[in-house]
Every structure is written in structure tokens, then in C-alpha cells.
Protein backbone atom coordinates (compact mmCIF):
# COMPACT_ATOMS: atom_id res chain seq x y z
CA MET A 1 0.02 -0.06 -0.03
CA VAL A 2 1.24 3.51 -0.91
CA ASP A 3 1.41 5.39 2.31
CA MET A 4 2.36 8.85 3.75
CA VAL A 5 5.10 8.63 6.29
CA ASP A 6 4.27 12.11 7.51
CA MET A 7 2.93 15.10 5.93
CA VAL A 8 5.96 15.43 3.72
CA ASP A 9 7.02 12.10 2.64
CA TYR A 10 5.23 9.97 0.15
CA VAL A 11 6.36 6.36 0.05
CA ILE A 12 5.91 3.95 -2.91
CA PRO A 13 6.89 0.27 -1.99
CA ILE A 14 8.67 -1.52 -4.77
CA ARG A 15 10.08 -5.08 -5.16
CA THR A 16 13.21 -4.64 -3.20
CA GLY A 17 12.69 -1.50 -1.23
CA LYS A 18 10.84 1.75 -1.55
CA ILE A 19 10.69 5.15 -3.30
CA VAL A 20 10.45 8.00 -0.82
CA ILE A 21 9.31 11.47 -2.22
CA ASN A 22 9.71 14.59 -0.15
CA HIS A 23 6.74 16.48 -1.51
CA LYS A 24 7.89 19.67 0.43
CA LYS A 25 10.87 19.80 -1.90
CA CYS A 26 8.55 19.28 -4.89
CA GLU A 27 6.62 22.67 -4.36
CA GLU A 28 9.14 24.73 -6.43
CA CYS A 29 9.26 22.13 -9.33
CA GLU A 30 7.68 23.04 -12.64
CA VAL A 31 9.49 20.65 -14.90
CA TYR A 32 8.59 17.28 -13.51
CA GLU A 33 11.73 15.65 -14.69
CA CYS A 34 11.02 12.56 -12.23
CA ALA A 35 7.73 11.54 -14.15
CA LYS A 36 9.33 12.22 -17.52
CA ALA A 37 12.28 10.10 -16.70
CA CYS A 38 10.01 7.39 -15.30
CA SER A 39 8.13 7.15 -18.50
CA LEU A 40 11.19 7.43 -20.77
CA TYR A 41 13.46 4.99 -18.82
CA GLY A 42 11.16 3.20 -16.36
CA ARG A 43 7.64 1.82 -16.52
CA ASN A 44 5.35 4.67 -15.82
CA ILE A 45 5.06 4.19 -12.07
CA ILE A 46 5.21 7.95 -11.17
CA ARG A 47 2.77 10.45 -12.48
CA ILE A 48 2.10 14.10 -11.67
CA LYS A 49 -1.11 15.08 -9.78
CA ASN A 50 -1.58 18.58 -8.44
CA GLY A 51 2.11 19.35 -8.98
CA ARG A 52 3.28 16.37 -6.99
CA PRO A 53 4.75 12.94 -8.02
CA ILE A 54 2.51 10.10 -7.00
CA THR A 55 1.41 6.83 -8.31
CA PHE A 56 -1.92 5.67 -9.46
CA LEU A 57 -1.04 2.15 -9.55
CA GLY A 58 -1.82 -0.64 -6.91
CA GLU A 59 1.05 -2.28 -4.97
CA GLU A 60 1.00 -5.60 -7.10
CA GLU A 61 0.99 -3.57 -10.29
CA ILE A 62 3.96 -1.51 -9.02
CA ARG A 63 5.94 -4.54 -8.11
CA ARG A 64 5.23 -6.13 -11.50
CA ARG A 65 6.24 -2.99 -13.47
CA ASP A 66 9.23 -1.62 -11.34
CA ASN A 67 12.60 -2.10 -13.11
CA GLU A 68 14.60 -0.34 -10.53
CA CYS A 69 16.13 2.05 -13.22
CA LEU A 70 16.64 4.88 -10.61
CA ALA A 71 15.76 7.54 -13.32
CA CYS A 72 13.24 9.38 -11.15
CA GLU A 73 15.97 9.77 -8.45
CA ILE A 74 18.68 10.75 -10.90
CA ASN A 75 16.71 13.25 -12.84
CA CYS A 76 15.00 15.06 -9.91
CA PRO A 77 16.53 18.55 -9.96
CA TYR A 78 15.31 19.21 -6.26
CA ASP A 79 16.84 16.03 -4.76
CA ALA A 80 13.23 15.24 -3.67
CA ILE A 81 13.32 11.61 -4.45
CA LYS A 82 15.38 8.70 -2.73
CA ILE A 83 15.22 5.02 -3.61
CA ILE A 84 16.02 2.80 -0.76
CA LEU A 85 16.83 -0.76 -1.78
CA ASP A 86 17.00 -3.38 0.90
CA PHE A 87 20.03 -5.74 0.81
CA PRO A 88 19.92 -7.98 3.84
CA GLU A 89 22.96 -9.83 2.81
CA LEU A 90 25.15 -6.74 3.34
CA ASP A 91 23.72 -6.32 6.89
CA ARG A 92 24.90 -9.82 7.67
CA GLY A 93 28.39 -8.92 6.53
CA ALA A 94 28.18 -11.73 3.92
């Protein structure tokens, strides 16, 4: 389920982690490079609604579509998007 961590962070769960979007940082944005990059390099998980990046997809569809391309994070000019990937094997020191 997509959820709001607090009033600022919007979290989209993906197969191996989550996409965290700081909507406060998005307030100045008028170019929406994150959504453009997602449609160009990714699988259209991120869309813009009322000037903010969100998803319209359900959790299963996100997991099916996500290709972990990192394009939204790399192309965001406001550093508002962080992709957090879980690697439990690194936590164990393997």
C-alpha cells in the first residue's frame, strides 16, 4: 500500500525496497523531470497530480512494473526522491 510517512514523505513500495518522495521539496518544481524520466526509462510508475509526483497504480502492479532504473531519483533537480533498496545480505556482512 502506498502511504504517507508524515505530511511530507510519500512512500511507494517496490519489489526490493521503496521510493520515498519529499513533497515539500517538490513545491518549487515546474519541470517534473522525475515523471518524464519514469516514462522514458522506467515503467510509468510515477505520474504528476496537483504538481506532485504520485502513483496511480496498486502495490501488485508497481511490483510487476518496477525495473529499479533509478531514473526518477537521478533526474529530480530538487533531490526530492530517494530510492531505498534493501540488501539484507549486506547487513549480515556476507
